[in-house]
């Protein structure tokens, strides 16, 4: 299992979410960290991977042991 770490800005974005949404996102991140399963795609034009959780997106980078979350937000705002 990989360790999930949030960048300061991503932690702030995560805290602003409603409780249920935050729990869904956390569950999907843990699932991806444990199994590598999830709706993920590499971003084009910039480094990173996106994880889709309904209308919400998690942008992260990963290595062999760590997933570093860079941003958490709604799909209409996250790619700006």
C-alpha atoms as a PDB file:
ATOM      1  CA  UNK A   1       0.000   0.000   0.000  1.00  0.00           C
ATOM      2  CA  UNK A   2       1.188   3.488  -0.847  1.00  0.00           C
ATOM      3  CA  UNK A   3       1.103   6.348   1.646  1.00  0.00           C
ATOM      4  CA  UNK A   4      -1.215   9.265   0.776  1.00  0.00           C
ATOM      5  CA  UNK A   5       0.197  12.737   1.491  1.00  0.00           C
ATOM      6  CA  UNK A   6      -1.627  16.025   0.828  1.00  0.00           C
ATOM      7  CA  UNK A   7       0.184  19.172  -0.259  1.00  0.00           C
ATOM      8  CA  UNK A   8      -0.778  22.179   1.885  1.00  0.00           C
ATOM      9  CA  UNK A   9      -3.080  23.647  -0.772  1.00  0.00           C
ATOM     10  CA  UNK A  10      -4.774  20.279  -1.363  1.00  0.00           C
ATOM     11  CA  UNK A  11      -5.313  19.798   2.380  1.00  0.00           C
ATOM     12  CA  UNK A  12      -6.975  23.224   2.528  1.00  0.00           C
ATOM     13  CA  UNK A  13      -9.201  22.389  -0.468  1.00  0.00           C
ATOM     14  CA  UNK A  14     -10.117  19.044   1.122  1.00  0.00           C
ATOM     15  CA  UNK A  15     -11.112  20.666   4.438  1.00  0.00           C
ATOM     16  CA  UNK A  16     -13.562  22.952   2.617  1.00  0.00           C
ATOM     17  CA  UNK A  17     -15.565  20.027   1.210  1.00  0.00           C
ATOM     18  CA  UNK A  18     -18.760  18.711   2.773  1.00  0.00           C
ATOM     19  CA  UNK A  19     -18.282  15.710   5.045  1.00  0.00           C
ATOM     20  CA  UNK A  20     -19.894  13.130   2.747  1.00  0.00           C
ATOM     21  CA  UNK A  21     -17.944  14.314  -0.298  1.00  0.00           C
ATOM     22  CA  UNK A  22     -14.694  14.316   1.685  1.00  0.00           C
ATOM     23  CA  UNK A  23     -15.375  10.747   2.870  1.00  0.00           C
ATOM     24  CA  UNK A  24     -16.079   9.536  -0.683  1.00  0.00           C
ATOM     25  CA  UNK A  25     -12.865  11.110  -1.961  1.00  0.00           C
ATOM     26  CA  UNK A  26     -10.835   9.669   0.924  1.00  0.00           C
ATOM     27  CA  UNK A  27     -12.292   6.198   0.335  1.00  0.00           C
ATOM     28  CA  UNK A  28     -11.417   6.303  -3.385  1.00  0.00           C
ATOM     29  CA  UNK A  29      -7.884   7.507  -2.624  1.00  0.00           C
ATOM     30  CA  UNK A  30      -7.336   4.716  -0.106  1.00  0.00           C
ATOM     31  CA  UNK A  31      -8.719   2.162  -2.560  1.00  0.00           C
ATOM     32  CA  UNK A  32      -6.349   3.405  -5.253  1.00  0.00           C
ATOM     33  CA  UNK A  33      -3.418   3.398  -2.811  1.00  0.00           C
ATOM     34  CA  UNK A  34      -4.164  -0.190  -1.773  1.00  0.00           C
ATOM     35  CA  UNK A  35      -5.117  -1.798  -5.085  1.00  0.00           C
ATOM     36  CA  UNK A  36      -4.294   0.601  -7.916  1.00  0.00           C
ATOM     37  CA  UNK A  37      -7.951   0.460  -8.977  1.00  0.00           C
ATOM     38  CA  UNK A  38     -10.032   3.505  -9.767  1.00  0.00           C
ATOM     39  CA  UNK A  39     -11.078   5.860 -12.526  1.00  0.00           C
ATOM     40  CA  UNK A  40      -7.633   7.367 -13.145  1.00  0.00           C
ATOM     41  CA  UNK A  41      -6.049   8.965 -16.208  1.00  0.00           C
ATOM     42  CA  UNK A  42      -2.717  10.617 -16.844  1.00  0.00           C
ATOM     43  CA  UNK A  43      -3.045  14.328 -17.520  1.00  0.00           C
ATOM     44  CA  UNK A  44      -1.956  15.635 -20.900  1.00  0.00           C
ATOM     45  CA  UNK A  45       0.086  18.793 -21.154  1.00  0.00           C
ATOM     46  CA  UNK A  46       1.158  18.759 -17.512  1.00  0.00           C
ATOM     47  CA  UNK A  47       2.458  16.244 -15.008  1.00  0.00           C
ATOM     48  CA  UNK A  48       0.069  14.327 -12.818  1.00  0.00           C
ATOM     49  CA  UNK A  49      -2.765  11.871 -12.689  1.00  0.00           C
ATOM     50  CA  UNK A  50      -6.426  12.569 -12.038  1.00  0.00           C
ATOM     51  CA  UNK A  51      -8.773  10.426  -9.981  1.00  0.00           C
ATOM     52  CA  UNK A  52     -12.475  10.862 -10.752  1.00  0.00           C
ATOM     53  CA  UNK A  53     -14.957  10.705  -7.865  1.00  0.00           C
ATOM     54  CA  UNK A  54     -18.340  11.650  -9.332  1.00  0.00           C
ATOM     55  CA  UNK A  55     -18.131  15.357 -10.232  1.00  0.00           C
ATOM     56  CA  UNK A  56     -14.996  15.775  -8.120  1.00  0.00           C
ATOM     57  CA  UNK A  57     -11.388  15.353  -9.220  1.00  0.00           C
ATOM     58  CA  UNK A  58      -8.200  14.631  -7.315  1.00  0.00           C
ATOM     59  CA  UNK A  59      -4.942  15.587  -9.035  1.00  0.00           C
ATOM     60  CA  UNK A  60      -1.878  13.748  -7.755  1.00  0.00           C
ATOM     61  CA  UNK A  61       1.593  12.476  -8.551  1.00  0.00           C
ATOM     62  CA  UNK A  62       2.952   9.164  -7.358  1.00  0.00           C
ATOM     63  CA  UNK A  63       6.115   7.166  -6.966  1.00  0.00           C
ATOM     64  CA  UNK A  64       6.731   3.633  -5.706  1.00  0.00           C
ATOM     65  CA  UNK A  65       5.742   4.391  -2.101  1.00  0.00           C
ATOM     66  CA  UNK A  66       3.826   7.683  -1.995  1.00  0.00           C
ATOM     67  CA  UNK A  67       0.825   9.398  -3.554  1.00  0.00           C
ATOM     68  CA  UNK A  68       1.101  13.181  -3.232  1.00  0.00           C
ATOM     69  CA  UNK A  69      -2.243  14.935  -3.698  1.00  0.00           C
ATOM     70  CA  UNK A  70      -1.754  18.298  -5.416  1.00  0.00           C
ATOM     71  CA  UNK A  71      -5.348  19.496  -5.793  1.00  0.00           C
ATOM     72  CA  UNK A  72      -8.924  18.528  -4.944  1.00  0.00           C
ATOM     73  CA  UNK A  73     -11.873  20.245  -6.586  1.00  0.00           C
ATOM     74  CA  UNK A  74     -14.987  20.204  -8.711  1.00  0.00           C
ATOM     75  CA  UNK A  75     -14.497  19.154 -12.315  1.00  0.00           C
ATOM     76  CA  UNK A  76     -15.462  22.565 -13.711  1.00  0.00           C
ATOM     77  CA  UNK A  77     -12.740  24.322 -11.660  1.00  0.00           C
ATOM     78  CA  UNK A  78      -9.905  21.853 -11.139  1.00  0.00           C
ATOM     79  CA  UNK A  79      -8.211  22.199 -14.536  1.00  0.00           C
ATOM     80  CA  UNK A  80      -7.944  26.022 -14.521  1.00  0.00           C
END
